[in-house]
Protein backbone atom coordinates (compact mmCIF):
# COMPACT_ATOMS: atom_id res chain seq x y z
CA UNK A 1 -22.11 8.79 -7.43
CA UNK A 2 -18.92 9.21 -5.39
CA UNK A 3 -19.23 11.24 -2.19
CA UNK A 4 -16.46 13.32 -0.65
CA UNK A 5 -15.19 12.55 2.85
CA UNK A 6 -17.18 15.49 4.24
CA UNK A 7 -20.39 14.27 2.56
CA UNK A 8 -19.87 10.76 3.92
CA UNK A 9 -19.28 12.09 7.42
CA UNK A 10 -22.41 14.25 7.09
CA UNK A 11 -24.44 11.09 6.44
CA UNK A 12 -22.72 9.18 9.25
CA UNK A 13 -23.59 11.96 11.72
CA UNK A 14 -27.20 11.99 10.51
CA UNK A 15 -27.54 8.25 11.16
CA UNK A 16 -25.67 8.41 14.47
CA UNK A 17 -23.85 5.69 16.37
CA UNK A 18 -24.42 2.12 15.19
CA UNK A 19 -22.92 -1.34 15.61
CA UNK A 20 -19.96 -0.15 13.52
CA UNK A 21 -19.77 3.62 14.23
CA UNK A 22 -18.77 5.29 17.48
CA UNK A 23 -18.41 8.99 18.39
CA UNK A 24 -16.15 10.02 21.26
CA UNK A 25 -15.67 13.32 23.08
CA UNK A 26 -11.93 13.82 23.37
CA UNK A 27 -9.78 16.45 25.05
CA UNK A 28 -6.02 16.19 25.04
CA UNK A 29 -5.97 12.48 25.99
CA UNK A 30 -7.61 9.32 24.71
CA UNK A 31 -9.77 7.77 27.44
CA UNK A 32 -10.07 4.06 28.23
CA UNK A 33 -13.55 3.75 26.71
CA UNK A 34 -11.99 4.33 23.28
CA UNK A 35 -9.86 1.21 23.74
CA UNK A 36 -12.94 -0.73 24.86
CA UNK A 37 -14.60 0.22 21.58
CA UNK A 38 -11.50 -0.83 19.63
CA UNK A 39 -11.72 -4.18 21.39
CA UNK A 40 -15.44 -4.63 20.70
CA UNK A 41 -15.15 -3.60 17.04
CA UNK A 42 -12.26 -6.05 16.58
CA UNK A 43 -14.35 -8.83 18.06
CA UNK A 44 -17.50 -8.10 16.05
CA UNK A 45 -17.70 -6.64 12.53
CA UNK A 46 -15.05 -3.92 12.69
CA UNK A 47 -15.99 -0.24 12.58
CA UNK A 48 -15.01 3.42 12.64
CA UNK A 49 -14.32 5.63 15.65
CA UNK A 50 -14.40 9.44 15.36
CA UNK A 51 -12.66 11.31 18.17
CA UNK A 52 -13.95 14.86 18.54
CA UNK A 53 -17.67 14.21 17.91
CA UNK A 54 -20.19 14.04 20.76
CA UNK A 55 -22.75 11.24 21.14
CA UNK A 56 -25.45 13.44 19.58
CA UNK A 57 -23.29 14.16 16.50
CA UNK A 58 -22.12 17.62 17.58
CA UNK A 59 -18.62 18.36 16.31
CA UNK A 60 -16.35 19.83 18.97
CA UNK A 61 -13.00 18.55 17.67
CA UNK A 62 -9.77 17.62 19.41
CA UNK A 63 -6.84 19.98 20.20
CA UNK A 64 -4.99 20.34 16.91
CA UNK A 65 -1.53 20.53 18.50
CA UNK A 66 -2.18 17.47 20.67
CA UNK A 67 -3.49 15.22 17.88
CA UNK A 68 -0.11 13.78 16.73
CA UNK A 69 0.99 12.87 20.26
CA UNK A 70 -2.45 11.39 20.97
CA UNK A 71 -2.07 9.09 17.96
CA UNK A 72 1.44 8.10 19.01
CA UNK A 73 0.24 7.18 22.53
CA UNK A 74 -2.76 5.33 21.05
CA UNK A 75 -0.49 3.15 18.88
CA UNK A 76 1.77 2.46 21.88
CA UNK A 77 -1.16 1.25 24.01
CA UNK A 78 -2.40 -1.09 21.26
CA UNK A 79 1.09 -2.60 20.94
CA UNK A 80 1.40 -3.20 24.71
CA UNK A 81 0.78 -6.92 25.47
CA UNK A 82 -0.04 -6.07 29.10
CA UNK A 83 -3.06 -4.09 27.87
CA UNK A 84 -4.14 -5.75 24.61
CA UNK A 85 -4.06 -9.48 23.97
CA UNK A 86 -3.26 -10.17 21.21
CA UNK A 87 -1.79 -6.77 20.39
CA UNK A 88 -3.21 -4.70 17.53
CA UNK A 89 -1.75 -2.48 14.83
CA UNK A 90 -4.02 0.35 13.67
CA UNK A 91 -3.28 3.55 11.76
CA UNK A 92 -5.42 6.53 12.91
CA UNK A 93 -5.57 9.60 10.70
CA UNK A 94 -6.03 13.29 11.47
CA UNK A 95 -8.83 14.90 9.43
CA UNK A 96 -10.39 18.34 9.25
CA UNK A 97 -14.17 18.63 9.25
CA UNK A 98 -16.28 21.78 9.64
CA UNK A 99 -13.11 23.65 10.54
CA UNK A 100 -12.37 21.29 13.47
CA UNK A 101 -9.64 18.69 13.91
CA UNK A 102 -10.86 15.09 14.28
CA UNK A 103 -9.11 11.74 14.63
CA UNK A 104 -10.55 8.89 12.58
CA UNK A 105 -9.73 5.30 13.63
CA UNK A 106 -10.74 2.47 11.31
CA UNK A 107 -10.84 -0.85 13.17
CA UNK A 108 -10.92 -3.99 10.99
CA UNK A 109 -12.41 -7.22 12.29
CA UNK A 110 -9.75 -9.32 14.00
CA UNK A 111 -8.96 -12.94 13.33
CA UNK A 112 -8.71 -13.56 17.06
CA UNK A 113 -10.77 -12.69 20.13
CA UNK A 114 -9.24 -9.50 21.55
CA UNK A 115 -9.14 -8.50 25.20
CA UNK A 116 -8.33 -5.11 26.76
CA UNK A 117 -6.95 -5.26 30.31
CA UNK A 118 -7.92 -8.96 30.33
CA UNK A 119 -11.57 -8.11 29.61
CA UNK A 120 -13.30 -9.16 26.37
CA UNK A 121 -15.77 -6.72 24.85
CA UNK A 122 -18.42 -7.34 22.21
CA UNK A 123 -20.35 -4.78 20.14
CA UNK A 124 -24.10 -4.92 20.68
CA UNK A 125 -26.05 -2.28 18.75
CA UNK A 126 -24.19 0.95 19.66
CA UNK A 127 -22.71 -0.23 22.96
CA UNK A 128 -19.54 -1.98 24.11
CA UNK A 129 -20.54 -4.91 26.32
CA UNK A 130 -18.27 -6.89 28.63
CA UNK A 131 -18.31 -10.63 27.88
CA UNK A 132 -17.67 -12.95 30.82
CA UNK A 133 -19.83 -15.98 30.10
CA UNK A 134 -17.77 -18.97 28.96
CA UNK A 135 -20.46 -19.94 26.44
CA UNK A 136 -20.56 -16.42 24.97
CA UNK A 137 -16.78 -16.34 24.65
CA UNK A 138 -16.83 -19.77 23.00
CA UNK A 139 -19.43 -18.51 20.51
CA UNK A 140 -17.16 -15.63 19.58
CA UNK A 141 -14.31 -18.08 18.91
CA UNK A 142 -16.62 -20.27 16.83
CA UNK A 143 -17.62 -17.30 14.69
CA UNK A 144 -14.00 -16.38 14.04
CA UNK A 145 -12.93 -19.98 13.48
CA UNK A 146 -15.51 -20.24 10.69
CA UNK A 147 -14.20 -17.08 9.00
CA UNK A 148 -10.45 -17.18 9.52
CA UNK A 149 -8.66 -20.46 8.83
CA UNK A 150 -5.37 -18.85 9.96
CA UNK A 151 -6.64 -19.32 13.54
CA UNK A 152 -6.79 -23.13 13.33
CA UNK A 153 -4.75 -24.57 16.20
CA UNK A 154 -2.17 -27.31 15.56
CA UNK A 155 -1.52 -28.79 19.03
CA UNK A 156 1.37 -30.96 17.83
CA UNK A 157 3.37 -28.02 16.46
CA UNK A 158 6.02 -27.12 19.03
CA UNK A 159 8.65 -24.41 19.50
CA UNK A 160 11.29 -26.55 17.81
CA UNK A 161 9.09 -26.64 14.67
CA UNK A 162 9.43 -22.87 14.22
CA UNK A 163 12.27 -20.75 12.88
CA UNK A 164 13.01 -19.04 16.17
CA UNK A 165 16.28 -17.84 14.62
CA UNK A 166 14.15 -15.32 12.67
CA UNK A 167 12.85 -13.62 15.81
CA UNK A 168 15.92 -11.36 16.37
CA UNK A 169 15.38 -10.08 12.81
CA UNK A 170 11.66 -9.66 13.52
CA UNK A 171 12.40 -7.60 16.62
CA UNK A 172 14.83 -5.38 14.72
CA UNK A 173 12.37 -4.84 11.87
CA UNK A 174 9.58 -3.95 14.30
CA UNK A 175 11.86 -1.57 16.18
CA UNK A 176 12.95 0.19 12.99
CA UNK A 177 9.36 0.37 11.75
CA UNK A 178 8.20 2.05 14.97
CA UNK A 179 10.84 4.79 15.06
CA UNK A 180 13.32 2.95 17.28
CA UNK A 181 11.04 1.42 19.92
CA UNK A 182 8.64 -1.55 19.93
CA UNK A 183 7.24 -3.69 22.82
CA UNK A 184 8.48 -6.89 21.15
CA UNK A 185 12.05 -5.86 22.00
CA UNK A 186 11.44 -6.55 25.69
CA UNK A 187 9.48 -9.81 25.27
CA UNK A 188 11.01 -13.26 25.26
CA UNK A 189 10.20 -15.57 22.35
CA UNK A 190 7.13 -17.15 23.96
CA UNK A 191 5.71 -13.79 25.02
CA UNK A 192 6.28 -12.33 21.54
CA UNK A 193 4.48 -15.21 19.81
CA UNK A 194 1.53 -14.92 22.18
CA UNK A 195 1.46 -11.13 21.82
CA UNK A 196 1.34 -11.50 18.03
CA UNK A 197 -1.61 -13.90 18.26
CA UNK A 198 0.40 -16.87 16.98
CA UNK A 199 -0.12 -19.01 20.10
CA UNK A 200 -3.81 -19.26 20.97
CA UNK A 201 -6.49 -21.36 22.60
CA UNK A 202 -9.34 -22.85 20.60
CA UNK A 203 -12.38 -22.20 22.80
CA UNK A 204 -14.37 -24.80 20.85
CA UNK A 205 -12.06 -27.75 21.50
CA UNK A 206 -10.01 -26.38 24.39
CA UNK A 207 -6.80 -27.03 22.47
CA UNK A 208 -3.91 -24.67 23.01
CA UNK A 209 -1.04 -24.24 20.62
CA UNK A 210 0.41 -22.56 17.58
CA UNK A 211 -2.06 -21.72 14.85
CA UNK A 212 -1.83 -21.79 11.06
CA UNK A 213 -0.65 -18.16 11.02
CA UNK A 214 2.35 -19.13 13.18
CA UNK A 215 3.23 -22.02 10.90
CA UNK A 216 3.01 -19.92 7.73
CA UNK A 217 4.96 -16.99 9.18
CA UNK A 218 7.70 -18.84 11.04
CA UNK A 219 7.39 -22.57 10.38
CA UNK A 220 10.27 -24.69 9.20
CA UNK A 221 9.88 -25.77 5.59
CA UNK A 222 9.08 -29.42 6.40
CA UNK A 223 6.43 -28.34 8.94
CA UNK A 224 4.80 -26.02 6.40
CA UNK A 225 4.67 -28.91 3.89
CA UNK A 226 2.95 -31.11 6.49
CA UNK A 227 0.39 -28.49 7.49
CA UNK A 228 -0.23 -26.87 4.08
CA UNK A 229 1.04 -29.37 1.48
CA UNK A 230 -0.13 -27.33 -1.53
CA UNK A 231 1.39 -24.04 -0.36
CA UNK A 232 3.86 -22.44 -2.77
CA UNK A 233 4.28 -19.40 -5.00
CA UNK A 234 5.34 -19.98 -8.60
CA UNK A 235 7.26 -16.97 -9.95
CA UNK A 236 7.72 -16.90 -13.72
CA UNK A 237 9.32 -14.56 -16.26
CA UNK A 238 7.66 -14.81 -19.68
CA UNK A 239 8.97 -12.25 -22.12
CA UNK A 240 10.67 -14.33 -24.83
CA UNK A 241 9.46 -17.89 -24.32
CA UNK A 242 5.85 -17.06 -23.52
CA UNK A 243 4.66 -20.68 -23.76
CA UNK A 244 7.03 -21.79 -21.01
CA UNK A 245 9.26 -19.29 -19.23
CA UNK A 246 12.58 -17.45 -19.37
CA UNK A 247 13.21 -17.73 -15.62
CA UNK A 248 11.43 -19.49 -12.79
CA UNK A 249 11.46 -19.51 -9.00
CA UNK A 250 9.30 -21.77 -6.82
CA UNK A 251 8.99 -20.45 -3.26
CA UNK A 252 7.80 -22.83 -0.53
CA UNK A 253 9.31 -21.38 2.64
CA UNK A 254 7.94 -19.22 5.48
CA UNK A 255 6.22 -15.95 4.60
CA UNK A 256 9.03 -13.74 5.93
CA UNK A 257 11.67 -15.30 3.69
CA UNK A 258 9.17 -15.81 0.86
CA UNK A 259 8.79 -12.05 0.67
CA UNK A 260 12.56 -11.59 0.34
CA UNK A 261 12.91 -14.21 -2.41
CA UNK A 262 9.97 -12.97 -4.46
CA UNK A 263 11.10 -9.37 -4.10
CA UNK A 264 14.58 -10.33 -5.32
CA UNK A 265 13.00 -12.06 -8.35
CA UNK A 266 11.02 -8.89 -9.13
CA UNK A 267 13.99 -6.54 -8.84
CA UNK A 268 16.02 -8.87 -11.07
CA UNK A 269 13.53 -8.69 -13.94
CA UNK A 270 11.89 -5.24 -13.72
CA UNK A 271 13.32 -1.88 -14.75
CA UNK A 272 14.08 0.53 -11.91
CA UNK A 273 13.00 3.72 -13.68
CA UNK A 274 14.12 7.13 -12.46
CA UNK A 275 11.38 9.04 -10.63
CA UNK A 276 11.29 12.06 -8.31
CA UNK A 277 8.33 12.48 -5.95
CA UNK A 278 7.27 16.15 -6.00
CA UNK A 279 10.49 16.86 -7.88
CA UNK A 280 12.56 16.29 -4.71
CA UNK A 281 12.58 12.72 -3.37
CA UNK A 282 13.93 9.80 -5.39
CA UNK A 283 11.54 6.84 -5.20
CA UNK A 284 11.86 3.39 -6.73
CA UNK A 285 8.53 2.80 -8.47
CA UNK A 286 9.63 -0.75 -9.22
CA UNK A 287 10.19 -1.50 -5.54
CA UNK A 288 6.90 0.07 -4.45
CA UNK A 289 4.85 -1.90 -6.99
CA UNK A 290 6.66 -5.19 -6.37
CA UNK A 291 6.34 -4.79 -2.61
CA UNK A 292 2.61 -4.15 -2.64
CA UNK A 293 1.85 -7.01 -5.05
CA UNK A 294 4.01 -9.54 -3.20
CA UNK A 295 2.77 -8.55 0.26
CA UNK A 296 -0.85 -8.79 -0.91
CA UNK A 297 -0.50 -12.27 -2.37
CA UNK A 298 1.32 -13.56 0.74
CA UNK A 299 -0.84 -11.82 3.33
CA UNK A 300 -4.38 -12.29 2.02
CA UNK A 301 -4.38 -15.73 0.37
CA UNK A 302 -6.50 -18.64 1.56
CA UNK A 303 -3.90 -21.18 2.68
CA UNK A 304 -6.35 -24.08 2.95
CA UNK A 305 -6.93 -24.04 -0.83
CA UNK A 306 -4.93 -26.10 -3.29
CA UNK A 307 -4.95 -23.35 -5.94
CA UNK A 308 -1.43 -22.54 -7.16
CA UNK A 309 -0.42 -18.97 -6.28
CA UNK A 310 1.51 -17.19 -9.04
CA UNK A 311 3.68 -14.16 -9.67
CA UNK A 312 4.07 -13.67 -13.43
CA UNK A 313 6.13 -11.03 -15.25
CA UNK A 314 5.35 -10.66 -18.96
CA UNK A 315 6.34 -8.10 -21.58
CA UNK A 316 3.28 -5.86 -21.19
CA UNK A 317 2.07 -6.75 -17.68
CA UNK A 318 2.83 -8.47 -14.40
CA UNK A 319 0.29 -10.09 -12.12
CA UNK A 320 -0.19 -12.07 -8.94
CA UNK A 321 -3.07 -14.42 -8.28
CA UNK A 322 -3.99 -16.60 -5.33
CA UNK A 323 -6.84 -18.52 -3.74
CA UNK A 324 -9.21 -16.18 -1.95
CA UNK A 325 -12.09 -16.25 0.48
CA UNK A 326 -14.03 -13.55 -1.34
CA UNK A 327 -16.44 -11.13 0.31
CA UNK A 328 -17.76 -10.08 -3.13
CA UNK A 329 -17.16 -10.61 -6.84
CA UNK A 330 -15.99 -7.98 -9.29
CA UNK A 331 -13.41 -5.28 -9.92
CA UNK A 332 -12.00 -3.28 -7.00
CA UNK A 333 -11.19 0.42 -7.40
CA UNK A 334 -10.11 3.07 -4.88
CA UNK A 335 -13.70 4.36 -4.99
CA UNK A 336 -15.46 1.09 -4.09
CA UNK A 337 -12.68 -0.31 -1.87
CA UNK A 338 -13.86 -1.81 1.41
CA UNK A 339 -10.70 -2.72 3.38
CA UNK A 340 -10.95 -6.23 4.80
CA UNK A 341 -8.12 -8.40 6.11
CA UNK A 342 -8.52 -12.01 4.94
CA UNK A 343 -5.86 -13.08 7.49
CA UNK A 344 -5.85 -10.41 10.23
CA UNK A 345 -3.19 -12.09 12.40
CA UNK A 346 -0.74 -12.33 9.48
CA UNK A 347 -1.68 -8.83 8.31
CA UNK A 348 -1.00 -7.39 11.77
CA UNK A 349 2.36 -9.18 11.93
CA UNK A 350 3.32 -7.78 8.51
CA UNK A 351 2.35 -4.26 9.56
CA UNK A 352 4.42 -4.54 12.74
CA UNK A 353 7.58 -5.47 10.85
CA UNK A 354 6.98 -2.90 8.09
CA UNK A 355 6.10 -5.25 5.22
CA UNK A 356 2.74 -3.53 4.81
CA UNK A 357 1.00 -0.32 5.81
CA UNK A 358 -2.54 0.34 6.93
CA UNK A 359 -5.32 -1.78 5.48
CA UNK A 360 -6.35 -0.60 2.02
CA UNK A 361 -3.23 1.48 1.41
CA UNK A 362 -1.84 -1.09 -1.04
CA UNK A 363 -4.67 -0.55 -3.50
CA UNK A 364 -4.22 3.22 -3.43
CA UNK A 365 -0.45 2.98 -3.81
CA UNK A 366 -0.71 0.62 -6.75
CA UNK A 367 -3.15 2.94 -8.52
CA UNK A 368 -0.95 5.96 -7.83
CA UNK A 369 2.41 4.50 -8.80
CA UNK A 370 1.39 2.05 -11.53
CA UNK A 371 0.28 5.00 -13.64
CA UNK A 372 3.61 6.72 -13.05
CA UNK A 373 5.58 3.54 -13.81
CA UNK A 374 3.81 2.45 -16.98
CA UNK A 375 1.29 5.14 -17.89
CA UNK A 376 -1.72 2.90 -17.11
CA UNK A 377 -3.79 1.85 -14.10
CA UNK A 378 -3.71 -1.59 -12.42
CA UNK A 379 -6.69 -3.92 -12.10
CA UNK A 380 -7.88 -5.73 -8.97
CA UNK A 381 -10.23 -8.67 -9.52
CA UNK A 382 -12.02 -10.12 -6.47
CA UNK A 383 -13.43 -13.64 -6.58
CA UNK A 384 -12.53 -17.19 -5.57
CA UNK A 385 -9.23 -16.31 -7.21
CA UNK A 386 -7.86 -12.86 -6.39
CA UNK A 387 -5.74 -11.19 -9.06
CA UNK A 388 -3.75 -7.95 -9.25
CA UNK A 389 -2.56 -6.94 -12.72
CA UNK A 390 -0.09 -4.08 -13.25
CA UNK A 391 0.62 -2.97 -16.86
CA UNK A 392 4.24 -2.80 -18.01
CA UNK A 393 5.73 -0.51 -20.66
CA UNK A 394 9.52 -0.42 -20.80
CA UNK A 395 9.41 2.57 -23.16
CA UNK A 396 7.39 4.75 -20.78
CA UNK A 397 9.13 7.23 -18.46
CA UNK A 398 7.03 9.48 -16.25
CA UNK A 399 9.99 11.65 -15.27
CA UNK A 400 11.17 12.19 -18.87
CA UNK A 401 7.64 12.95 -20.04
CA UNK A 402 7.03 15.37 -17.17
CA UNK A 403 10.41 17.09 -17.66
CA UNK A 404 9.84 17.53 -21.40
CA UNK A 405 6.38 18.95 -20.81
CA UNK A 406 7.58 21.27 -18.05
CA UNK A 407 10.52 22.62 -20.02
CA UNK A 408 8.43 23.13 -23.14
CA UNK A 409 5.92 25.09 -21.06
CA UNK A 410 8.75 27.14 -19.54
CA UNK A 411 10.13 27.95 -23.01
CA UNK A 412 6.66 28.92 -24.21
CA UNK A 413 6.15 31.13 -21.14
CA UNK A 414 9.54 32.76 -21.60
CA UNK A 415 8.85 33.41 -25.28
CA UNK A 416 5.46 34.91 -24.48
CA UNK A 417 6.84 37.31 -21.89
CA UNK A 418 10.17 38.41 -23.35
CA UNK A 419 10.45 38.25 -27.15
CA UNK A 420 8.96 39.32 -30.43
CA UNK A 421 6.35 37.57 -32.51
CA UNK A 422 9.10 36.44 -34.92
CA UNK A 423 10.95 34.55 -32.16
CA UNK A 424 7.70 33.04 -30.88
CA UNK A 425 7.01 31.65 -34.35
CA UNK A 426 10.53 30.24 -34.61
CA UNK A 427 10.31 28.42 -31.25
CA UNK A 428 6.92 26.95 -32.15
CA UNK A 429 8.35 25.88 -35.50
CA UNK A 430 11.28 24.04 -33.84
CA UNK A 431 9.33 22.30 -31.05
CA UNK A 432 8.48 19.16 -33.05
CA UNK A 433 12.05 18.51 -34.27
CA UNK A 434 15.35 20.22 -35.24
CA UNK A 435 15.36 21.96 -38.65
CA UNK A 436 18.00 23.33 -41.00
CA UNK A 437 18.02 26.96 -42.18
CA UNK A 438 16.48 25.92 -45.48
CA UNK A 439 13.74 23.96 -43.75
CA UNK A 440 12.96 26.85 -41.39
CA UNK A 441 12.63 29.24 -44.34
CA UNK A 442 10.12 26.86 -45.90
CA UNK A 443 8.18 26.34 -42.65
CA UNK A 444 7.91 30.07 -41.93
CA UNK A 445 7.30 31.06 -45.56
CA UNK A 446 10.31 33.37 -45.67
CA UNK A 447 12.37 34.14 -48.81
CA UNK A 448 15.48 35.90 -47.51
CA UNK A 449 18.06 34.21 -45.29
CA UNK A 450 19.35 37.49 -43.74
CA UNK A 451 15.83 38.23 -42.50
CA UNK A 452 15.66 34.82 -40.86
CA UNK A 453 19.05 35.24 -39.21
CA UNK A 454 18.60 38.85 -37.99
CA UNK A 455 14.94 38.81 -36.90
CA UNK A 456 14.48 35.21 -35.80
CA UNK A 457 17.53 33.07 -35.12
CA UNK A 458 19.97 35.58 -33.55
CA UNK A 459 17.42 36.98 -31.02
CA UNK A 460 16.33 33.47 -30.06
CA UNK A 461 19.94 32.34 -29.62
CA UNK A 462 20.72 35.42 -27.52
CA UNK A 463 17.85 34.59 -25.17
CA UNK A 464 19.03 31.00 -24.88
CA UNK A 465 15.80 29.63 -26.36
CA UNK A 466 17.34 27.68 -29.23
CA UNK A 467 20.71 26.09 -29.99
CA UNK A 468 22.57 24.51 -32.91
CA UNK A 469 22.89 20.76 -33.26
CA UNK A 470 26.05 18.84 -34.11
CA UNK A 471 26.61 18.07 -37.84
CA UNK A 472 24.91 14.88 -38.99
CA UNK A 473 28.25 13.49 -40.20
CA UNK A 474 31.61 14.71 -41.61
CA UNK A 475 30.33 14.02 -45.11
CA UNK A 476 27.08 15.89 -44.44
CA UNK A 477 28.00 18.91 -42.31
CA UNK A 478 24.53 20.47 -42.30
CA UNK A 479 23.72 21.95 -38.90
CA UNK A 480 20.23 22.40 -37.55
CA UNK A 481 18.53 24.43 -34.88
CA UNK A 482 16.45 23.04 -32.01
CA UNK A 483 14.63 24.30 -28.94
CA UNK A 484 17.00 24.40 -25.96
CA UNK A 485 15.49 22.32 -23.16
């Protein structure tokens, strides 16, 4: 049984605050204790913060007019390396519950140990606890090192091993993604890499240096081959020669440029079908689907595995698959989705530069736009190998189907309101296909052509409901009538 958001929040309030749920009273500003909870959730299991609910579960809300600016300030604080280290990228949402405005903040578990104002917090039961003991901090790093291989430190990887020439592009992308302003603009290269969690200290061994995430995101090709020798993405087009391929691209470079190359491969071989969102905004369904599939396979794969990652385009489907550190087995749907970043450092970097949105949004977008692109839903399969499959149907057009349906309904409505029963029958008769006068007489069971012309065709033509077709050919000049769409 699927519960609505309100029903879920009802149950959460009944249970109260837990290790992964926090309620916060909130006026027009977000207080520091909210950021402490963000820090502790990031360091433990992740969790959900609800601004506008008291500790006892009473709903008092937040000022509706202030909510957008509160979220903007919240995002700015998380992206400030002087406050958060490493910085975080979260996407709060404004919700309405019991007639009150609330702010919901989902905090995923981080791949690194997060500090707020140089203090580390851990979540213990329903409290945020300061962590100062060296042994306790080391234990937190051990726990994350066991879960997230992207955090493994490579002490012999140096600045000259990275594509620092990509950082001006990274800064520009982050700036554009954050409406013209991002803290990375003002940081030098070393500060940016530390802020992004790419230069860390292993509290287990004491080693400091660039981690696997840094190598995969910005490493030179030869360095990536040394660190992750089996890393590559094999892109194949199989529409004619299905046993081999019609086109192939093997991508073995850093994740930033890998995205560009794979996206170019997708746009080369997929139709860019016409589509209007809400009848107003032109969207490229092809680009949306390709983006989400490519970002997912680059961002969430297990880089320590030797399994060959793939991006395959076939006649009736396209799919990506990659090695995965699964949290469960089975099919993922929007209803049972539990957002979880397999590589939080890489995921945060991608969100900062605009390659991805908030955690879990990719699944929902693929379900929404796959149906409009091909007329069928995608499939997400979670296991040791993660696979996303999107159906393809070159003959399907959502816009054409919607327009035909809409115009037919408009014609039917116009007929119903304005004309006689004779004209209604004629329009219904012509909806399936154009017909000649002789064929219409047969379909309507009429015997006299003047009756057809005077009572049916002429009134329908005058109202603009039907029109004449062009002759089939000069040798066969028969004209037909069809519904005017």
